[in-house]
C-alpha atoms as a PDB file:
ATOM      1  CA  MET A   1      50.954 -38.227 -10.295  1.00  0.00           C
ATOM      2  CA  SER A   2      54.241 -36.805 -11.917  1.00  0.00           C
ATOM      3  CA  ARG A   3      54.928 -34.992 -15.556  1.00  0.00           C
ATOM      4  CA  THR A   4      51.656 -33.213 -15.150  1.00  0.00           C
ATOM      5  CA  PRO A   5      51.374 -29.990 -17.152  1.00  0.00           C
ATOM      6  CA  SER A   6      52.144 -26.928 -14.619  1.00  0.00           C
ATOM      7  CA  ILE A   7      49.193 -25.109 -13.912  1.00  0.00           C
ATOM      8  CA  PRO A   8      49.912 -22.109 -11.827  1.00  0.00           C
ATOM      9  CA  LEU A   9      48.698 -22.065  -7.919  1.00  0.00           C
ATOM     10  CA  ARG A  10      46.302 -19.178  -8.055  1.00  0.00           C
ATOM     11  CA  THR A  11      45.448 -19.510  -3.886  1.00  0.00           C
ATOM     12  CA  GLU A  12      42.803 -17.405  -1.909  1.00  0.00           C
ATOM     13  CA  THR A  13      41.694 -14.884  -4.724  1.00  0.00           C
ATOM     14  CA  PRO A  14      38.240 -14.224  -4.714  1.00  0.00           C
ATOM     15  CA  ARG A  15      36.457 -12.046  -7.515  1.00  0.00           C
ATOM     16  CA  ALA A  16      35.388  -8.391  -6.250  1.00  0.00           C
ATOM     17  CA  GLY A  17      32.237  -8.759  -4.721  1.00  0.00           C
ATOM     18  CA  GLU A  18      32.613 -12.531  -3.310  1.00  0.00           C
ATOM     19  CA  GLY A  19      34.043 -11.623  -0.443  1.00  0.00           C
ATOM     20  CA  ASP A  20      34.924 -15.348   1.413  1.00  0.00           C
ATOM     21  CA  LYS A  21      34.926 -16.798  -1.524  1.00  0.00           C
ATOM     22  CA  VAL A  22      37.140 -18.249  -4.234  1.00  0.00           C
ATOM     23  CA  VAL A  23      35.853 -18.676  -7.594  1.00  0.00           C
ATOM     24  CA  VAL A  24      36.903 -21.213  -9.748  1.00  0.00           C
ATOM     25  CA  GLY A  25      35.925 -20.514 -13.293  1.00  0.00           C
ATOM     26  CA  VAL A  26      35.244 -23.069 -16.486  1.00  0.00           C
ATOM     27  CA  ALA A  27      37.979 -25.145 -17.277  1.00  0.00           C
ATOM     28  CA  ASP A  28      39.427 -24.047 -13.949  1.00  0.00           C
ATOM     29  CA  LEU A  29      41.030 -24.951 -10.270  1.00  0.00           C
ATOM     30  CA  GLN A  30      41.790 -23.400  -7.159  1.00  0.00           C
ATOM     31  CA  VAL A  31      43.180 -24.685  -4.061  1.00  0.00           C
ATOM     32  CA  SER A  32      43.352 -23.016  -0.432  1.00  0.00           C
ATOM     33  CA  ARG A  33      44.392 -22.944   2.972  1.00  0.00           C
ATOM     34  CA  ASP A  34      42.598 -20.953   4.630  1.00  0.00           C
ATOM     35  CA  PRO A  35      39.576 -22.535   6.810  1.00  0.00           C
ATOM     36  CA  SER A  36      37.804 -19.029   6.460  1.00  0.00           C
ATOM     37  CA  LYS A  37      37.300 -19.757   2.644  1.00  0.00           C
ATOM     38  CA  SER A  38      34.424 -21.471   0.570  1.00  0.00           C
ATOM     39  CA  ILE A  39      35.775 -22.847  -2.730  1.00  0.00           C
ATOM     40  CA  ILE A  40      32.693 -22.070  -5.162  1.00  0.00           C
ATOM     41  CA  THR A  41      32.012 -22.909  -8.738  1.00  0.00           C
ATOM     42  CA  TYR A  42      29.046 -22.011 -10.897  1.00  0.00           C
ATOM     43  CA  ALA A  43      27.332 -24.003 -13.637  1.00  0.00           C
ATOM     44  CA  LEU A  44      28.376 -27.548 -13.588  1.00  0.00           C
ATOM     45  CA  GLY A  45      26.216 -28.489 -16.679  1.00  0.00           C
ATOM     46  CA  SER A  46      27.842 -30.993 -18.747  1.00  0.00           C
ATOM     47  CA  CYS A  47      31.241 -29.680 -16.718  1.00  0.00           C
ATOM     48  CA  ILE A  48      32.548 -31.750 -13.771  1.00  0.00           C
ATOM     49  CA  GLY A  49      33.481 -30.269 -10.685  1.00  0.00           C
ATOM     50  CA  VAL A  50      35.319 -31.813  -8.521  1.00  0.00           C
ATOM     51  CA  THR A  51      36.492 -31.229  -4.676  1.00  0.00           C
ATOM     52  CA  LEU A  52      39.216 -32.270  -2.414  1.00  0.00           C
ATOM     53  CA  TYR A  53      39.507 -31.911   1.595  1.00  0.00           C
ATOM     54  CA  ASP A  54      41.849 -32.761   4.110  1.00  0.00           C
ATOM     55  CA  PRO A  55      40.130 -32.339   7.558  1.00  0.00           C
ATOM     56  CA  VAL A  56      43.060 -32.007   9.388  1.00  0.00           C
ATOM     57  CA  ALA A  57      44.819 -29.543   7.802  1.00  0.00           C
ATOM     58  CA  LYS A  58      41.850 -27.849   6.339  1.00  0.00           C
ATOM     59  CA  VAL A  59      43.066 -27.577   2.690  1.00  0.00           C
ATOM     60  CA  GLY A  60      41.033 -28.016  -0.031  1.00  0.00           C
ATOM     61  CA  GLY A  61      40.842 -27.775  -3.458  1.00  0.00           C
ATOM     62  CA  MET A  62      38.286 -27.615  -6.338  1.00  0.00           C
ATOM     63  CA  LEU A  63      38.198 -28.480 -10.684  1.00  0.00           C
ATOM     64  CA  HIS A  64      35.574 -27.074 -12.791  1.00  0.00           C
ATOM     65  CA  PHE A  65      36.304 -29.636 -15.859  1.00  0.00           C
ATOM     66  CA  MET A  66      34.962 -29.142 -19.259  1.00  0.00           C
ATOM     67  CA  LEU A  67      35.695 -32.152 -21.575  1.00  0.00           C
ATOM     68  CA  PRO A  68      36.946 -35.837 -20.126  1.00  0.00           C
ATOM     69  CA  GLU A  69      39.758 -36.612 -22.691  1.00  0.00           C
ATOM     70  CA  SER A  70      43.007 -33.852 -23.815  1.00  0.00           C
ATOM     71  CA  GLN A  71      43.842 -35.579 -26.685  1.00  0.00           C
ATOM     72  CA  VAL A  72      40.856 -34.057 -28.685  1.00  0.00           C
ATOM     73  CA  SER A  73      43.162 -30.609 -28.475  1.00  0.00           C
ATOM     74  CA  THR A  74      46.302 -31.285 -27.619  1.00  0.00           C
ATOM     75  CA  GLU A  75      47.275 -27.725 -28.101  1.00  0.00           C
ATOM     76  CA  LYS A  76      44.101 -26.161 -25.723  1.00  0.00           C
ATOM     77  CA  ALA A  77      45.408 -28.963 -23.274  1.00  0.00           C
ATOM     78  CA  ALA A  78      49.103 -27.204 -23.440  1.00  0.00           C
ATOM     79  CA  ALA A  79      47.456 -23.662 -23.115  1.00  0.00           C
ATOM     80  CA  ASN A  80      44.391 -25.211 -19.977  1.00  0.00           C
ATOM     81  CA  PRO A  81      45.225 -28.645 -18.533  1.00  0.00           C
ATOM     82  CA  ALA A  82      42.302 -27.421 -16.101  1.00  0.00           C
ATOM     83  CA  MET A  83      39.681 -27.647 -18.952  1.00  0.00           C
ATOM     84  CA  PHE A  84      40.630 -31.312 -19.456  1.00  0.00           C
ATOM     85  CA  GLY A  85      39.700 -34.210 -16.295  1.00  0.00           C
ATOM     86  CA  ASP A  86      42.508 -36.632 -17.436  1.00  0.00           C
ATOM     87  CA  LEU A  87      45.041 -33.423 -16.958  1.00  0.00           C
ATOM     88  CA  GLY A  88      43.086 -31.596 -14.313  1.00  0.00           C
ATOM     89  CA  MET A  89      42.207 -34.424 -11.663  1.00  0.00           C
ATOM     90  CA  PRO A  90      46.188 -35.176 -11.311  1.00  0.00           C
ATOM     91  CA  ILE A  91      47.584 -31.508 -10.888  1.00  0.00           C
ATOM     92  CA  LEU A  92      44.531 -30.834  -8.502  1.00  0.00           C
ATOM     93  CA  PHE A  93      45.860 -33.741  -6.109  1.00  0.00           C
ATOM     94  CA  ASP A  94      49.250 -32.554  -7.346  1.00  0.00           C
ATOM     95  CA  LYS A  95      48.259 -28.764  -5.738  1.00  0.00           C
ATOM     96  CA  VAL A  96      46.517 -29.775  -2.894  1.00  0.00           C
ATOM     97  CA  ILE A  97      48.921 -31.852  -1.857  1.00  0.00           C
ATOM     98  CA  ALA A  98      51.885 -29.465  -2.077  1.00  0.00           C
ATOM     99  CA  ALA A  99      49.459 -27.081   0.101  1.00  0.00           C
ATOM    100  CA  GLY A 100      49.703 -29.374   3.103  1.00  0.00           C
ATOM    101  CA  ALA A 101      46.993 -32.437   2.524  1.00  0.00           C
ATOM    102  CA  LYS A 102      47.669 -35.791   3.071  1.00  0.00           C
ATOM    103  CA  ARG A 103      46.739 -38.108   0.280  1.00  0.00           C
ATOM    104  CA  GLU A 104      45.317 -40.317   2.292  1.00  0.00           C
ATOM    105  CA  ARG A 105      43.048 -38.111   4.555  1.00  0.00           C
ATOM    106  CA  LEU A 106      41.161 -36.644   1.825  1.00  0.00           C
ATOM    107  CA  ILE A 107      37.396 -36.759   1.079  1.00  0.00           C
ATOM    108  CA  VAL A 108      36.759 -36.426  -2.715  1.00  0.00           C
ATOM    109  CA  CYS A 109      33.471 -35.433  -3.727  1.00  0.00           C
ATOM    110  CA  ALA A 110      31.837 -34.937  -7.415  1.00  0.00           C
ATOM    111  CA  ALA A 111      29.243 -32.647  -9.241  1.00  0.00           C
ATOM    112  CA  GLY A 112      27.772 -31.904 -12.697  1.00  0.00           C
ATOM    113  CA  GLY A 113      28.408 -34.109 -15.771  1.00  0.00           C
ATOM    114  CA  ALA A 114      24.561 -33.697 -16.855  1.00  0.00           C
ATOM    115  CA  GLU A 115      23.324 -33.950 -20.412  1.00  0.00           C
ATOM    116  CA  VAL A 116      21.653 -30.754 -20.456  1.00  0.00           C
ATOM    117  CA  LEU A 117      22.056 -30.005 -24.105  1.00  0.00           C
ATOM    118  CA  ALA A 118      19.143 -30.151 -26.603  1.00  0.00           C
ATOM    119  CA  ASP A 119      20.933 -32.780 -29.295  1.00  0.00           C
ATOM    120  CA  ASP A 120      20.613 -36.881 -30.073  1.00  0.00           C
ATOM    121  CA  GLY A 121      23.028 -37.369 -27.368  1.00  0.00           C
ATOM    122  CA  HIS A 122      25.445 -38.075 -30.072  1.00  0.00           C
ATOM    123  CA  PHE A 123      27.649 -35.822 -28.026  1.00  0.00           C
ATOM    124  CA  ARG A 124      26.957 -36.522 -24.597  1.00  0.00           C
ATOM    125  CA  ILE A 125      29.618 -35.211 -23.161  1.00  0.00           C
ATOM    126  CA  GLY A 126      28.063 -35.230 -19.184  1.00  0.00           C
ATOM    127  CA  SER A 127      28.098 -38.914 -19.437  1.00  0.00           C
ATOM    128  CA  ARG A 128      31.841 -39.151 -20.711  1.00  0.00           C
ATOM    129  CA  ASN A 129      32.651 -36.674 -18.078  1.00  0.00           C
ATOM    130  CA  ARG A 130      31.321 -38.711 -15.467  1.00  0.00           C
ATOM    131  CA  THR A 131      33.108 -42.001 -17.029  1.00  0.00           C
ATOM    132  CA  VAL A 132      36.393 -40.436 -16.962  1.00  0.00           C
ATOM    133  CA  LEU A 133      36.052 -39.381 -13.721  1.00  0.00           C
ATOM    134  CA  ARG A 134      35.526 -42.485 -12.279  1.00  0.00           C
ATOM    135  CA  LYS A 135      38.302 -44.191 -14.542  1.00  0.00           C
ATOM    136  CA  ILE A 136      41.397 -41.762 -12.566  1.00  0.00           C
ATOM    137  CA  LEU A 137      39.704 -42.297  -9.040  1.00  0.00           C
ATOM    138  CA  TRP A 138      39.839 -46.227  -9.878  1.00  0.00           C
ATOM    139  CA  LYS A 139      42.867 -45.718 -11.081  1.00  0.00           C
ATOM    140  CA  LEU A 140      44.154 -43.819  -8.189  1.00  0.00           C
ATOM    141  CA  ASN A 141      42.172 -46.386  -6.002  1.00  0.00           C
ATOM    142  CA  ILE A 142      39.808 -43.552  -4.372  1.00  0.00           C
ATOM    143  CA  LEU A 143      36.487 -43.361  -3.745  1.00  0.00           C
ATOM    144  CA  LEU A 144      33.999 -40.877  -4.017  1.00  0.00           C
ATOM    145  CA  ALA A 145      32.703 -39.685  -0.944  1.00  0.00           C
ATOM    146  CA  ALA A 146      29.331 -38.415  -2.049  1.00  0.00           C
ATOM    147  CA  ASP A 147      28.518 -37.432  -5.898  1.00  0.00           C
ATOM    148  CA  ASP A 148      25.300 -35.844  -7.413  1.00  0.00           C
ATOM    149  CA  THR A 149      26.219 -36.364 -11.087  1.00  0.00           C
ATOM    150  CA  GLY A 150      23.942 -36.801 -14.064  1.00  0.00           C
ATOM    151  CA  GLY A 151      20.276 -35.652 -14.916  1.00  0.00           C
ATOM    152  CA  GLN A 152      19.516 -32.559 -16.564  1.00  0.00           C
ATOM    153  CA  HIS A 153      20.069 -29.679 -14.584  1.00  0.00           C
ATOM    154  CA  SER A 154      22.970 -27.404 -14.176  1.00  0.00           C
ATOM    155  CA  ARG A 155      24.678 -27.340 -10.284  1.00  0.00           C
ATOM    156  CA  THR A 156      26.353 -24.200  -8.240  1.00  0.00           C
ATOM    157  CA  MET A 157      29.269 -26.374  -5.604  1.00  0.00           C
ATOM    158  CA  THR A 158      30.786 -24.720  -2.774  1.00  0.00           C
ATOM    159  CA  LEU A 159      33.289 -25.973  -0.405  1.00  0.00           C
ATOM    160  CA  ARG A 160      33.500 -24.776   3.364  1.00  0.00           C
ATOM    161  CA  LEU A 161      37.101 -24.796   4.312  1.00  0.00           C
ATOM    162  CA  ALA A 162      36.661 -24.886   7.918  1.00  0.00           C
ATOM    163  CA  ASP A 163      34.638 -27.638   7.370  1.00  0.00           C
ATOM    164  CA  GLY A 164      34.767 -29.715   4.240  1.00  0.00           C
ATOM    165  CA  SER A 165      30.558 -29.516   3.873  1.00  0.00           C
ATOM    166  CA  ILE A 166      30.152 -29.269   0.180  1.00  0.00           C
ATOM    167  CA  ALA A 167      26.421 -27.491  -0.570  1.00  0.00           C
ATOM    168  CA  LEU A 168      25.093 -27.811  -4.367  1.00  0.00           C
ATOM    169  CA  ARG A 169      22.363 -25.184  -5.465  1.00  0.00           C
ATOM    170  CA  SER A 170      20.049 -26.253  -8.155  1.00  0.00           C
ATOM    171  CA  GLN A 171      17.238 -25.485  -9.765  1.00  0.00           C
ATOM    172  CA  GLY A 172      16.866 -22.647  -7.042  1.00  0.00           C
ATOM    173  CA  LYS A 173      17.255 -25.436  -4.348  1.00  0.00           C
ATOM    174  CA  ASP A 174      19.838 -26.016  -1.995  1.00  0.00           C
ATOM    175  CA  SER A 175      21.357 -29.058  -0.326  1.00  0.00           C
ATOM    176  CA  ALA A 176      24.101 -30.936   1.173  1.00  0.00           C
ATOM    177  CA  LEU A 177      26.399 -33.235  -0.781  1.00  0.00           C
ATOM    178  CA  TRP A 178      28.961 -33.540   1.958  1.00  0.00           C
ATOM    179  CA  PRO A 179      28.225 -35.028   5.215  1.00  0.00           C
ATOM    180  CA  ARG A 180      24.595 -36.280   4.401  1.00  0.00           C
END
């Protein structure tokens, strides 16, 4: 996981009115080691949210990536590597480990990757995002502990750092992704 583009580690920076929530925007990532915080991302349509959590160190992070591979736009990749799964995921791993997590203890979960656009299926961004997610984790020899990907609906994903639980909200309904 070396030679990845640099993206600033923005820890524990809640938006106004969010209180104990650290918000991950689209094409963004956040890491925190504050167990009183939750990390949340909204509107995971075709985008994918990936969480990493170390239950011993109580360190967690989340990436909200839009596109699978950075080769489609090297200019955009240089400006914001978190936009792309192939660049953002290694950076997320690096940042969580730098914050005190141990790779062997990480619980990895994912949500999103829906096919929400009404098109002829040509672009299939959600499907391509799901594929790159699994390819990267396979190369890293890491299994997903839980995922809720695919379908046709967007999701909101929240990682609670006190206990590593992950909640999803979709179509007005709440559910637990981890633990189940």
